Amino acid sequence: MAREAIVTAQPEPAPEYDAALRPRLLSEVIGQKAIVKRLGILLKAAKKFREPLQHMLFDGPPGLGKTTFATVLPNELGTTVQMTSGPALSKPNDLMPFLTNATEGSVLFIDEIHRMPRVVEEFIYPAMEDFRVDIVLGEGVNARTISMPLQRFTLIGATTRSGMLSGPMRDRFKTHEHLEFYSVDELAQIIRVNARKLQTPITEEASVELARRSRGTPRIANNRMWWTRSYAASEADGAITLPLAREALDMAEVDREGLDRQDRKYLETLTGIFNGEPTGVEAIAATMNIASDTLSNEIEPYLLREQFIIRSPRGRVPTLKSYQLLGRMPRKEKTEPQGSLFTE
């Protein structure tokens, strides 16, 4: 008697997180309207002239979409993209495979380009301007230089610190775009679109609540939505409603202002232990047992942008907004009694 084969349903493999949520075309990009409009003009011109896009530099805080633009543009042109990062290019030879493999009109994307060594910067200058690289063969008096032609390509650089790029390198990018933070409405729209891609029901009120706590950054909004989606699947029927979104974010210790536990600990340290006095970042870091560069790069930027703290010549100072968030009263300044300017 023949055996019956037991067939079990195999779930479809989940797409990569970033690939699943990242827009593919320029028309799908939400926010950064002025930049999208300018890029649309450049794309139309490149197609009309049948030329590669001009070299581009995107700068701005992390998570605002620099990599997204670098992947959207090749999709619009129907060309390929190679991706690397500044720290991975320690010497000119590390860059050679990307340059020689570039095809006509293709894109080379270098993330954190400001961390590329100066010797690599100088090596890429002729590649950006004349689409060639100069290779030195031999040593000493027998050395000779061979100029190797390259296919015309587009270099797209992304950086969080454009000021660290050298002037000659920065000037070789014909297009320089600075990405701004997103509004709550834009983030809520991104969350709804991405929830639809992940087949997760979400109410408009829940998307707005998640957006309010996402610090104006799409990457953080996607992370908040991803956590809330997991919470909804575990603790409810999978749909994200306003009460459930609040429960999920409260469990993640993210408050209504988008501050997490470390942010609040920073403010509590500044307003409580240091009594609101101007305090240096090293003293705060030692008290919190956190590296000072972690405070400067990860915690302080949002607190400064939202005016929870200010930087004074003497150190960090909490604002009234910090005291209101923590439910504390600011320290009263001591006033000395003023006597008469003249004595009898």
C-alpha atoms as a PDB file:
ATOM      1  CA  MET A   1       0.000   0.000   0.000  1.00  0.00           C
ATOM      2  CA  ALA A   2       1.426   3.350  -1.060  1.00  0.00           C
ATOM      3  CA  ARG A   3       2.141   5.821   1.640  1.00  0.00           C
ATOM      4  CA  GLU A   4       0.467   9.196   1.503  1.00  0.00           C
ATOM      5  CA  ALA A   5       2.922  12.051   1.608  1.00  0.00           C
ATOM      6  CA  ILE A   6       2.339  14.455   4.453  1.00  0.00           C
ATOM      7  CA  VAL A   7       2.582  17.983   3.157  1.00  0.00           C
ATOM      8  CA  THR A   8       2.930  20.838   5.614  1.00  0.00           C
ATOM      9  CA  ALA A   9       2.402  24.414   4.686  1.00  0.00           C
ATOM     10  CA  GLN A  10       5.688  26.275   4.604  1.00  0.00           C
ATOM     11  CA  PRO A  11       5.542  29.927   5.551  1.00  0.00           C
ATOM     12  CA  GLU A  12       6.975  32.358   3.050  1.00  0.00           C
ATOM     13  CA  PRO A  13      10.426  33.564   4.049  1.00  0.00           C
ATOM     14  CA  ALA A  14      10.253  36.944   5.696  1.00  0.00           C
ATOM     15  CA  PRO A  15      11.843  39.722   3.660  1.00  0.00           C
ATOM     16  CA  GLU A  16      14.853  41.527   5.001  1.00  0.00           C
ATOM     17  CA  TYR A  17      13.767  44.209   7.439  1.00  0.00           C
ATOM     18  CA  ASP A  18      15.184  47.222   5.603  1.00  0.00           C
ATOM     19  CA  ALA A  19      14.388  45.823   2.164  1.00  0.00           C
ATOM     20  CA  ALA A  20      10.778  45.220   3.153  1.00  0.00           C
ATOM     21  CA  LEU A  21      10.173  48.757   4.362  1.00  0.00           C
ATOM     22  CA  ARG A  22      12.434  50.858   2.143  1.00  0.00           C
ATOM     23  CA  PRO A  23      10.818  52.642  -0.838  1.00  0.00           C
ATOM     24  CA  ARG A  24      11.871  51.414  -4.272  1.00  0.00           C
ATOM     25  CA  LEU A  25      10.930  54.439  -6.376  1.00  0.00           C
ATOM     26  CA  LEU A  26      11.123  58.186  -5.867  1.00  0.00           C
ATOM     27  CA  SER A  27       7.333  58.467  -5.995  1.00  0.00           C
ATOM     28  CA  GLU A  28       7.125  56.198  -2.925  1.00  0.00           C
ATOM     29  CA  VAL A  29       9.379  58.409  -0.785  1.00  0.00           C
ATOM     30  CA  ILE A  30       7.472  60.220   1.959  1.00  0.00           C
ATOM     31  CA  GLY A  31       8.845  63.505   3.292  1.00  0.00           C
ATOM     32  CA  GLN A  32      11.881  65.518   2.138  1.00  0.00           C
ATOM     33  CA  LYS A  33       9.614  67.030  -0.535  1.00  0.00           C
ATOM     34  CA  ALA A  34      12.033  69.684  -1.778  1.00  0.00           C
ATOM     35  CA  ILE A  35      14.838  67.135  -2.167  1.00  0.00           C
ATOM     36  CA  VAL A  36      12.551  64.661  -3.927  1.00  0.00           C
ATOM     37  CA  LYS A  37      11.480  67.370  -6.375  1.00  0.00           C
ATOM     38  CA  ARG A  38      15.071  68.347  -7.182  1.00  0.00           C
ATOM     39  CA  LEU A  39      16.120  64.720  -7.608  1.00  0.00           C
ATOM     40  CA  GLY A  40      13.175  64.160  -9.928  1.00  0.00           C
ATOM     41  CA  ILE A  41      14.434  66.966 -12.162  1.00  0.00           C
ATOM     42  CA  LEU A  42      17.950  65.495 -12.199  1.00  0.00           C
ATOM     43  CA  LEU A  43      16.572  62.063 -13.096  1.00  0.00           C
ATOM     44  CA  LYS A  44      14.554  63.423 -16.009  1.00  0.00           C
ATOM     45  CA  ALA A  45      17.568  65.346 -17.288  1.00  0.00           C
ATOM     46  CA  ALA A  46      19.845  62.303 -17.012  1.00  0.00           C
ATOM     47  CA  LYS A  47      17.374  60.177 -18.975  1.00  0.00           C
ATOM     48  CA  LYS A  48      16.932  62.880 -21.595  1.00  0.00           C
ATOM     49  CA  PHE A  49      20.676  63.450 -22.067  1.00  0.00           C
ATOM     50  CA  ARG A  50      21.437  59.733 -21.664  1.00  0.00           C
ATOM     51  CA  GLU A  51      24.122  60.597 -19.153  1.00  0.00           C
ATOM     52  CA  PRO A  52      24.915  59.272 -15.676  1.00  0.00           C
ATOM     53  CA  LEU A  53      23.614  61.226 -12.716  1.00  0.00           C
ATOM     54  CA  GLN A  54      26.034  63.757 -11.326  1.00  0.00           C
ATOM     55  CA  HIS A  55      27.870  62.855  -8.120  1.00  0.00           C
ATOM     56  CA  MET A  56      25.753  63.455  -5.007  1.00  0.00           C
ATOM     57  CA  LEU A  57      26.385  63.954  -1.309  1.00  0.00           C
ATOM     58  CA  PHE A  58      23.646  63.424   1.277  1.00  0.00           C
ATOM     59  CA  ASP A  59      24.236  64.596   4.823  1.00  0.00           C
ATOM     60  CA  GLY A  60      22.163  64.691   7.963  1.00  0.00           C
ATOM     61  CA  PRO A  61      21.548  62.837  11.235  1.00  0.00           C
ATOM     62  CA  PRO A  62      21.276  59.020  11.182  1.00  0.00           C
ATOM     63  CA  GLY A  63      18.044  57.378  10.066  1.00  0.00           C
ATOM     64  CA  LEU A  64      16.645  60.108   7.813  1.00  0.00           C
ATOM     65  CA  GLY A  65      16.900  58.266   4.495  1.00  0.00           C
ATOM     66  CA  LYS A  66      20.360  58.794   3.017  1.00  0.00           C
ATOM     67  CA  THR A  67      20.710  55.125   2.111  1.00  0.00           C
ATOM     68  CA  THR A  68      17.131  55.089   0.855  1.00  0.00           C
ATOM     69  CA  PHE A  69      17.880  57.780  -1.719  1.00  0.00           C
ATOM     70  CA  ALA A  70      21.029  55.906  -2.749  1.00  0.00           C
ATOM     71  CA  THR A  71      18.964  52.796  -3.563  1.00  0.00           C
ATOM     72  CA  VAL A  72      15.968  54.595  -5.064  1.00  0.00           C
ATOM     73  CA  LEU A  73      17.973  56.466  -7.711  1.00  0.00           C
ATOM     74  CA  PRO A  74      19.486  53.329  -9.370  1.00  0.00           C
ATOM     75  CA  ASN A  75      16.018  51.761  -9.391  1.00  0.00           C
ATOM     76  CA  GLU A  76      14.666  54.794 -11.223  1.00  0.00           C
ATOM     77  CA  LEU A  77      17.451  54.565 -13.812  1.00  0.00           C
ATOM     78  CA  GLY A  78      17.305  50.783 -14.100  1.00  0.00           C
ATOM     79  CA  THR A  79      20.969  50.418 -13.268  1.00  0.00           C
ATOM     80  CA  THR A  80      23.051  48.635 -10.637  1.00  0.00           C
ATOM     81  CA  VAL A  81      24.398  49.879  -7.318  1.00  0.00           C
ATOM     82  CA  GLN A  82      27.506  48.875  -5.366  1.00  0.00           C
ATOM     83  CA  MET A  83      27.561  49.665  -1.657  1.00  0.00           C
ATOM     84  CA  THR A  84      30.462  50.091   0.749  1.00  0.00           C
ATOM     85  CA  SER A  85      31.473  52.338   3.645  1.00  0.00           C
ATOM     86  CA  GLY A  86      34.268  54.748   4.450  1.00  0.00           C
ATOM     87  CA  PRO A  87      35.859  52.633   7.227  1.00  0.00           C
ATOM     88  CA  ALA A  88      36.069  49.649   4.843  1.00  0.00           C
ATOM     89  CA  LEU A  89      38.250  51.629   2.420  1.00  0.00           C
ATOM     90  CA  SER A  90      41.513  51.866   4.336  1.00  0.00           C
ATOM     91  CA  LYS A  91      43.749  52.037   1.234  1.00  0.00           C
ATOM     92  CA  PRO A  92      43.317  52.796  -2.489  1.00  0.00           C
ATOM     93  CA  ASN A  93      43.451  49.112  -3.442  1.00  0.00           C
ATOM     94  CA  ASP A  94      40.259  48.546  -1.420  1.00  0.00           C
ATOM     95  CA  LEU A  95      38.447  50.905  -3.788  1.00  0.00           C
ATOM     96  CA  MET A  96      39.736  49.409  -7.047  1.00  0.00           C
ATOM     97  CA  PRO A  97      37.230  46.501  -7.322  1.00  0.00           C
ATOM     98  CA  PHE A  98      34.299  48.913  -7.008  1.00  0.00           C
ATOM     99  CA  LEU A  99      35.699  51.248  -9.671  1.00  0.00           C
ATOM    100  CA  THR A 100      36.641  48.553 -12.167  1.00  0.00           C
ATOM    101  CA  ASN A 101      33.294  46.752 -11.735  1.00  0.00           C
ATOM    102  CA  ALA A 102      31.294  49.945 -12.301  1.00  0.00           C
ATOM    103  CA  THR A 103      29.211  49.848 -15.476  1.00  0.00           C
ATOM    104  CA  GLU A 104      27.980  52.750 -17.583  1.00  0.00           C
ATOM    105  CA  GLY A 105      25.601  54.829 -15.472  1.00  0.00           C
ATOM    106  CA  SER A 106      25.866  52.595 -12.391  1.00  0.00           C
ATOM    107  CA  VAL A 107      25.968  53.934  -8.830  1.00  0.00           C
ATOM    108  CA  LEU A 108      28.702  53.547  -6.220  1.00  0.00           C
ATOM    109  CA  PHE A 109      27.380  54.323  -2.748  1.00  0.00           C
ATOM    110  CA  ILE A 110      29.847  55.049   0.072  1.00  0.00           C
ATOM    111  CA  ASP A 111      28.244  55.354   3.502  1.00  0.00           C
ATOM    112  CA  GLU A 112      29.988  57.360   6.241  1.00  0.00           C
ATOM    113  CA  ILE A 113      32.219  58.771   3.538  1.00  0.00           C
ATOM    114  CA  HIS A 114      33.793  61.234   5.975  1.00  0.00           C
ATOM    115  CA  ARG A 115      35.649  58.297   7.566  1.00  0.00           C
ATOM    116  CA  MET A 116      37.479  57.496   4.338  1.00  0.00           C
ATOM    117  CA  PRO A 117      41.241  58.110   4.725  1.00  0.00           C
ATOM    118  CA  ARG A 118      42.727  61.118   2.941  1.00  0.00           C
ATOM    119  CA  VAL A 119      44.898  58.913   0.713  1.00  0.00           C
ATOM    120  CA  VAL A 120      41.751  57.180  -0.600  1.00  0.00           C
ATOM    121  CA  GLU A 121      40.074  60.559  -1.139  1.00  0.00           C
ATOM    122  CA  GLU A 122      42.967  61.721  -3.297  1.00  0.00           C
ATOM    123  CA  PHE A 123      42.926  58.457  -5.235  1.00  0.00           C
ATOM    124  CA  ILE A 124      39.254  58.853  -6.138  1.00  0.00           C
ATOM    125  CA  TYR A 125      39.563  62.454  -7.398  1.00  0.00           C
ATOM    126  CA  PRO A 126      40.448  61.553 -11.024  1.00  0.00           C
ATOM    127  CA  ALA A 127      37.808  58.806 -10.973  1.00  0.00           C
ATOM    128  CA  MET A 128      35.133  61.359 -10.075  1.00  0.00           C
ATOM    129  CA  GLU A 129      36.294  64.051 -12.510  1.00  0.00           C
ATOM    130  CA  ASP A 130      37.754  62.215 -15.506  1.00  0.00           C
ATOM    131  CA  PHE A 131      36.548  58.631 -14.944  1.00  0.00           C
ATOM    132  CA  ARG A 132      40.056  57.222 -14.759  1.00  0.00           C
ATOM    133  CA  VAL A 133      42.466  55.917 -12.130  1.00  0.00           C
ATOM    134  CA  ASP A 134      46.218  56.294 -12.097  1.00  0.00           C
ATOM    135  CA  ILE A 135      48.092  53.092 -11.253  1.00  0.00           C
ATOM    136  CA  VAL A 136      51.792  53.184 -10.372  1.00  0.00           C
ATOM    137  CA  LEU A 137      53.808  50.180 -11.527  1.00  0.00           C
ATOM    138  CA  GLY A 138      57.286  49.459 -10.281  1.00  0.00           C
ATOM    139  CA  GLU A 139      59.396  51.363  -7.769  1.00  0.00           C
ATOM    140  CA  GLY A 140      62.055  54.026  -7.762  1.00  0.00           C
ATOM    141  CA  VAL A 141      63.463  55.189 -11.095  1.00  0.00           C
ATOM    142  CA  ASN A 142      61.706  52.303 -12.880  1.00  0.00           C
ATOM    143  CA  ALA A 143      58.269  53.335 -11.664  1.00  0.00           C
ATOM    144  CA  ARG A 144      55.730  54.376 -14.277  1.00  0.00           C
ATOM    145  CA  THR A 145      52.130  55.497 -14.119  1.00  0.00           C
ATOM    146  CA  ILE A 146      49.358  53.931 -16.176  1.00  0.00           C
ATOM    147  CA  SER A 147      46.081  55.766 -16.617  1.00  0.00           C
ATOM    148  CA  MET A 148      43.204  53.265 -16.625  1.00  0.00           C
ATOM    149  CA  PRO A 149      39.863  54.461 -18.071  1.00  0.00           C
ATOM    150  CA  LEU A 150      36.638  53.712 -16.213  1.00  0.00           C
ATOM    151  CA  GLN A 151      33.003  53.513 -17.177  1.00  0.00           C
ATOM    152  CA  ARG A 152      31.041  56.664 -16.367  1.00  0.00           C
ATOM    153  CA  PHE A 153      29.448  56.107 -12.966  1.00  0.00           C
ATOM    154  CA  THR A 154      27.753  58.115 -10.216  1.00  0.00           C
ATOM    155  CA  LEU A 155      29.284  58.368  -6.760  1.00  0.00           C
ATOM    156  CA  ILE A 156      26.769  58.901  -3.963  1.00  0.00           C
ATOM    157  CA  GLY A 157      28.213  59.690  -0.562  1.00  0.00           C
ATOM    158  CA  ALA A 158      26.368  59.716   2.753  1.00  0.00           C
ATOM    159  CA  THR A 159      27.663  61.340   5.906  1.00  0.00           C
ATOM    160  CA  THR A 160      26.483  62.417   9.313  1.00  0.00           C
ATOM    161  CA  ARG A 161      29.377  64.892   9.544  1.00  0.00           C
ATOM    162  CA  SER A 162      29.910  66.710   6.272  1.00  0.00           C
ATOM    163  CA  GLY A 163      32.257  69.162   8.001  1.00  0.00           C
ATOM    164  CA  MET A 164      34.791  66.357   8.408  1.00  0.00           C
ATOM    165  CA  LEU A 165      35.089  65.954   4.639  1.00  0.00           C
ATOM    166  CA  SER A 166      37.965  67.825   3.072  1.00  0.00           C
ATOM    167  CA  GLY A 167      37.075  70.862   0.982  1.00  0.00           C
ATOM    168  CA  PRO A 168      38.348  69.386  -2.321  1.00  0.00           C
ATOM    169  CA  MET A 169      36.341  66.204  -1.742  1.00  0.00           C
ATOM    170  CA  ARG A 170      33.161  68.065  -0.830  1.00  0.00           C
ATOM    171  CA  ASP A 171      33.447  70.373  -3.838  1.00  0.00           C
ATOM    172  CA  ARG A 172      33.591  67.446  -6.270  1.00  0.00           C
ATOM    173  CA  PHE A 173      29.973  66.575  -5.489  1.00  0.00           C
ATOM    174  CA  LYS A 174      27.846  68.654  -7.844  1.00  0.00           C
ATOM    175  CA  THR A 175      24.735  68.000  -5.738  1.00  0.00           C
ATOM    176  CA  HIS A 176      24.776  68.382  -1.951  1.00  0.00           C
ATOM    177  CA  GLU A 177      21.527  67.729  -0.087  1.00  0.00           C
ATOM    178  CA  HIS A 178      20.908  68.086   3.648  1.00  0.00           C
ATOM    179  CA  LEU A 179      18.130  65.888   5.044  1.00  0.00           C
ATOM    180  CA  GLU A 180      15.809  67.391   7.664  1.00  0.00           C
ATOM    181  CA  PHE A 181      13.799  65.738  10.427  1.00  0.00           C
ATOM    182  CA  TYR A 182      10.275  64.576   9.569  1.00  0.00           C
ATOM    183  CA  SER A 183       6.963  65.902  10.834  1.00  0.00           C
ATOM    184  CA  VAL A 184       4.557  63.782  12.876  1.00  0.00           C
ATOM    185  CA  ASP A 185       2.152  63.553   9.921  1.00  0.00           C
ATOM    186  CA  GLU A 186       4.915  62.328   7.605  1.00  0.00           C
ATOM    187  CA  LEU A 187       6.086  59.716  10.110  1.00  0.00           C
ATOM    188  CA  ALA A 188       2.502  58.550  10.702  1.00  0.00           C
ATOM    189  CA  GLN A 189       2.092  58.083   6.950  1.00  0.00           C
ATOM    190  CA  ILE A 190       5.355  56.115   6.786  1.00  0.00           C
ATOM    191  CA  ILE A 191       4.194  53.900   9.640  1.00  0.00           C
ATOM    192  CA  ARG A 192       0.853  53.182   7.966  1.00  0.00           C
ATOM    193  CA  VAL A 193       2.508  52.355   4.638  1.00  0.00           C
ATOM    194  CA  ASN A 194       5.051  50.051   6.277  1.00  0.00           C
ATOM    195  CA  ALA A 195       2.405  48.366   8.424  1.00  0.00           C
ATOM    196  CA  ARG A 196       0.488  47.654   5.218  1.00  0.00           C
ATOM    197  CA  LYS A 197       3.621  46.116   3.697  1.00  0.00           C
ATOM    198  CA  LEU A 198       3.933  43.877   6.757  1.00  0.00           C
ATOM    199  CA  GLN A 199       0.207  43.019   6.608  1.00  0.00           C
ATOM    200  CA  THR A 200      -0.373  44.477  10.063  1.00  0.00           C
ATOM    201  CA  PRO A 201      -3.662  46.319  10.709  1.00  0.00           C
ATOM    202  CA  ILE A 202      -3.123  49.686  12.413  1.00  0.00           C
ATOM    203  CA  THR A 203      -5.467  52.531  13.256  1.00  0.00           C
ATOM    204  CA  GLU A 204      -4.706  56.109  12.274  1.00  0.00           C
ATOM    205  CA  GLU A 205      -4.627  57.164  15.951  1.00  0.00           C
ATOM    206  CA  ALA A 206      -2.066  54.454  16.734  1.00  0.00           C
ATOM    207  CA  SER A 207       0.165  55.523  13.844  1.00  0.00           C
ATOM    208  CA  VAL A 208       0.095  59.118  15.087  1.00  0.00           C
ATOM    209  CA  GLU A 209       0.971  57.981  18.614  1.00  0.00           C
ATOM    210  CA  LEU A 210       3.936  56.002  17.333  1.00  0.00           C
ATOM    211  CA  ALA A 211       5.020  58.937  15.185  1.00  0.00           C
ATOM    212  CA  ARG A 212       4.939  61.355  18.143  1.00  0.00           C
ATOM    213  CA  ARG A 213       7.383  59.145  20.008  1.00  0.00           C
ATOM    214  CA  SER A 214       9.781  58.641  17.085  1.00  0.00           C
ATOM    215  CA  ARG A 215      11.947  61.770  17.356  1.00  0.00           C
ATOM    216  CA  GLY A 216      11.256  62.898  13.795  1.00  0.00           C
ATOM    217  CA  THR A 217      13.277  59.955  12.415  1.00  0.00           C
ATOM    218  CA  PRO A 218      11.873  57.269  10.067  1.00  0.00           C
ATOM    219  CA  ARG A 219      14.326  54.619  11.281  1.00  0.00           C
ATOM    220  CA  ILE A 220      13.161  55.093  14.864  1.00  0.00           C
ATOM    221  CA  ALA A 221       9.531  55.114  13.693  1.00  0.00           C
ATOM    222  CA  ASN A 222      10.079  51.773  11.956  1.00  0.00           C
ATOM    223  CA  ASN A 223      11.718  50.370  15.096  1.00  0.00           C
ATOM    224  CA  ARG A 224       8.810  51.546  17.248  1.00  0.00           C
ATOM    225  CA  MET A 225       6.332  50.047  14.801  1.00  0.00           C
ATOM    226  CA  TRP A 226       8.266  46.771  14.647  1.00  0.00           C
ATOM    227  CA  TRP A 227       8.243  46.421  18.435  1.00  0.00           C
ATOM    228  CA  THR A 228       4.551  47.336  18.657  1.00  0.00           C
ATOM    229  CA  ARG A 229       3.743  44.803  15.929  1.00  0.00           C
ATOM    230  CA  SER A 230       5.498  42.079  17.926  1.00  0.00           C
ATOM    231  CA  TYR A 231       3.684  43.169  21.092  1.00  0.00           C
ATOM    232  CA  ALA A 232       0.321  43.092  19.294  1.00  0.00           C
ATOM    233  CA  ALA A 233       0.977  39.602  17.957  1.00  0.00           C
ATOM    234  CA  SER A 234       2.019  38.340  21.388  1.00  0.00           C
ATOM    235  CA  GLU A 235      -0.491  40.051  23.666  1.00  0.00           C
ATOM    236  CA  ALA A 236      -3.491  40.687  21.372  1.00  0.00           C
ATOM    237  CA  ASP A 237      -4.970  39.727  18.010  1.00  0.00           C
ATOM    238  CA  GLY A 238      -2.185  41.357  15.949  1.00  0.00           C
ATOM    239  CA  ALA A 239      -3.975  44.629  15.214  1.00  0.00           C
ATOM    240  CA  ILE A 240      -2.337  47.828  16.491  1.00  0.00           C
ATOM    241  CA  THR A 241      -4.822  50.123  18.204  1.00  0.00           C
ATOM    242  CA  LEU A 242      -4.170  53.296  20.195  1.00  0.00           C
ATOM    243  CA  PRO A 243      -4.424  51.658  23.653  1.00  0.00           C
ATOM    244  CA  LEU A 244      -2.228  48.766  22.544  1.00  0.00           C
ATOM    245  CA  ALA A 245       0.364  51.114  21.031  1.00  0.00           C
ATOM    246  CA  ARG A 246       0.551  53.017  24.316  1.00  0.00           C
ATOM    247  CA  GLU A 247       0.910  49.781  26.280  1.00  0.00           C
ATOM    248  CA  ALA A 248       3.700  48.568  24.000  1.00  0.00           C
ATOM    249  CA  LEU A 249       5.647  51.827  24.141  1.00  0.00           C
ATOM    250  CA  ASP A 250       5.181  52.130  27.891  1.00  0.00           C
ATOM    251  CA  MET A 251       6.619  48.640  28.288  1.00  0.00           C
ATOM    252  CA  ALA A 252       9.560  49.724  26.107  1.00  0.00           C
ATOM    253  CA  GLU A 253       9.942  52.703  28.495  1.00  0.00           C
ATOM    254  CA  VAL A 254       9.417  55.257  25.733  1.00  0.00           C
ATOM    255  CA  ASP A 255       7.432  58.230  27.049  1.00  0.00           C
ATOM    256  CA  ARG A 256       5.116  60.680  25.270  1.00  0.00           C
ATOM    257  CA  GLU A 257       8.073  62.922  24.358  1.00  0.00           C
ATOM    258  CA  GLY A 258       9.979  60.060  22.715  1.00  0.00           C
ATOM    259  CA  LEU A 259      12.483  59.865  25.579  1.00  0.00           C
ATOM    260  CA  ASP A 260      13.710  56.457  26.690  1.00  0.00           C
ATOM    261  CA  ARG A 261      15.055  55.335  30.069  1.00  0.00           C
ATOM    262  CA  GLN A 262      18.601  56.599  29.434  1.00  0.00           C
ATOM    263  CA  ASP A 263      17.331  60.030  28.363  1.00  0.00           C
ATOM    264  CA  ARG A 264      15.295  60.421  31.534  1.00  0.00           C
ATOM    265  CA  LYS A 265      18.189  59.144  33.655  1.00  0.00           C
ATOM    266  CA  TYR A 266      20.359  61.862  32.090  1.00  0.00           C
ATOM    267  CA  LEU A 267      17.827  64.561  32.982  1.00  0.00           C
ATOM    268  CA  GLU A 268      17.332  63.135  36.488  1.00  0.00           C
ATOM    269  CA  THR A 269      21.100  63.181  37.026  1.00  0.00           C
ATOM    270  CA  LEU A 270      21.397  66.766  35.827  1.00  0.00           C
ATOM    271  CA  THR A 271      18.418  68.124  37.737  1.00  0.00           C
ATOM    272  CA  GLY A 272      18.758  65.943  40.849  1.00  0.00           C
ATOM    273  CA  ILE A 273      22.339  64.995  41.623  1.00  0.00           C
ATOM    274  CA  PHE A 274      23.817  68.178  40.170  1.00  0.00           C
ATOM    275  CA  ASN A 275      20.844  70.286  41.286  1.00  0.00           C
ATOM    276  CA  GLY A 276      20.539  71.974  37.882  1.00  0.00           C
ATOM    277  CA  GLU A 277      24.009  73.503  38.046  1.00  0.00           C
ATOM    278  CA  PRO A 278      26.023  73.812  34.802  1.00  0.00           C
ATOM    279  CA  THR A 279      27.772  70.433  34.486  1.00  0.00           C
ATOM    280  CA  GLY A 280      30.388  69.065  32.110  1.00  0.00           C
ATOM    281  CA  VAL A 281      29.655  65.970  30.055  1.00  0.00           C
ATOM    282  CA  GLU A 282      32.529  64.079  31.683  1.00  0.00           C
ATOM    283  CA  ALA A 283      31.017  64.547  35.139  1.00  0.00           C
ATOM    284  CA  ILE A 284      27.585  63.430  33.926  1.00  0.00           C
ATOM    285  CA  ALA A 285      29.087  60.406  32.168  1.00  0.00           C
ATOM    286  CA  ALA A 286      31.032  59.364  35.270  1.00  0.00           C
ATOM    287  CA  THR A 287      27.932  59.669  37.447  1.00  0.00           C
ATOM    288  CA  MET A 288      25.785  57.658  35.010  1.00  0.00           C
ATOM    289  CA  ASN A 289      28.614  55.148  34.382  1.00  0.00           C
ATOM    290  CA  ILE A 290      28.324  55.728  30.617  1.00  0.00           C
ATOM    291  CA  ALA A 291      31.024  56.694  28.139  1.00  0.00           C
ATOM    292  CA  SER A 292      31.065  60.424  27.473  1.00  0.00           C
ATOM    293  CA  ASP A 293      30.996  59.968  23.685  1.00  0.00           C
ATOM    294  CA  THR A 294      27.809  57.917  24.084  1.00  0.00           C
ATOM    295  CA  LEU A 295      26.208  60.872  25.825  1.00  0.00           C
ATOM    296  CA  SER A 296      27.479  63.347  23.227  1.00  0.00           C
ATOM    297  CA  ASN A 297      26.538  61.287  20.168  1.00  0.00           C
ATOM    298  CA  GLU A 298      23.423  59.366  21.209  1.00  0.00           C
ATOM    299  CA  ILE A 299      21.640  61.054  24.112  1.00  0.00           C
ATOM    300  CA  GLU A 300      22.361  64.775  23.997  1.00  0.00           C
ATOM    301  CA  PRO A 301      21.490  65.603  20.343  1.00  0.00           C
ATOM    302  CA  TYR A 302      17.756  64.973  20.812  1.00  0.00           C
ATOM    303  CA  LEU A 303      17.669  66.627  24.235  1.00  0.00           C
ATOM    304  CA  LEU A 304      19.339  69.694  22.745  1.00  0.00           C
ATOM    305  CA  ARG A 305      17.075  69.764  19.691  1.00  0.00           C
ATOM    306  CA  GLU A 306      13.939  69.533  21.816  1.00  0.00           C
ATOM    307  CA  GLN A 307      15.328  72.117  24.271  1.00  0.00           C
ATOM    308  CA  PHE A 308      15.414  69.889  27.342  1.00  0.00           C
ATOM    309  CA  ILE A 309      18.975  71.052  27.938  1.00  0.00           C
ATOM    310  CA  ILE A 310      21.230  73.817  26.700  1.00  0.00           C
ATOM    311  CA  ARG A 311      24.996  73.992  26.363  1.00  0.00           C
ATOM    312  CA  SER A 312      26.577  76.872  28.196  1.00  0.00           C
ATOM    313  CA  PRO A 313      30.271  77.766  28.433  1.00  0.00           C
ATOM    314  CA  ARG A 314      30.273  76.186  31.905  1.00  0.00           C
ATOM    315  CA  GLY A 315      28.474  72.959  30.940  1.00  0.00           C
ATOM    316  CA  ARG A 316      25.050  71.430  30.364  1.00  0.00           C
ATOM    317  CA  VAL A 317      22.067  73.159  31.949  1.00  0.00           C
ATOM    318  CA  PRO A 318      18.510  71.755  32.188  1.00  0.00           C
ATOM    319  CA  THR A 319      15.661  73.932  30.970  1.00  0.00           C
ATOM    320  CA  LEU A 320      12.249  74.448  32.545  1.00  0.00           C
ATOM    321  CA  LYS A 321      10.909  71.848  30.098  1.00  0.00           C
ATOM    322  CA  SER A 322      13.077  69.191  31.798  1.00  0.00           C
ATOM    323  CA  TYR A 323      11.718  70.012  35.235  1.00  0.00           C
ATOM    324  CA  GLN A 324       8.150  69.920  33.927  1.00  0.00           C
ATOM    325  CA  LEU A 325       8.742  66.511  32.354  1.00  0.00           C
ATOM    326  CA  LEU A 326      10.134  65.092  35.595  1.00  0.00           C
ATOM    327  CA  GLY A 327       7.542  66.825  37.774  1.00  0.00           C
ATOM    328  CA  ARG A 328      10.155  68.776  39.691  1.00  0.00           C
ATOM    329  CA  MET A 329      10.591  72.385  40.650  1.00  0.00           C
ATOM    330  CA  PRO A 330      13.673  74.205  39.377  1.00  0.00           C
ATOM    331  CA  ARG A 331      16.226  75.322  41.905  1.00  0.00           C
ATOM    332  CA  LYS A 332      15.700  78.894  43.026  1.00  0.00           C
ATOM    333  CA  GLU A 333      18.621  81.199  42.557  1.00  0.00           C
ATOM    334  CA  LYS A 334      20.040  82.660  45.720  1.00  0.00           C
ATOM    335  CA  THR A 335      19.617  86.424  45.800  1.00  0.00           C
ATOM    336  CA  GLU A 336      21.787  88.632  47.912  1.00  0.00           C
ATOM    337  CA  PRO A 337      20.075  91.565  49.658  1.00  0.00           C
ATOM    338  CA  GLN A 338      20.871  94.742  47.854  1.00  0.00           C
ATOM    339  CA  GLY A 339      21.896  97.653  50.001  1.00  0.00           C
ATOM    340  CA  SER A 340      21.952 101.291  49.161  1.00  0.00           C
ATOM    341  CA  LEU A 341      24.636 102.467  46.777  1.00  0.00           C
ATOM    342  CA  PHE A 342      25.389 105.307  49.151  1.00  0.00           C
ATOM    343  CA  THR A 343      26.018 105.166  52.854  1.00  0.00           C
ATOM    344  CA  GLU A 344      25.182 107.888  55.203  1.00  0.00           C
END
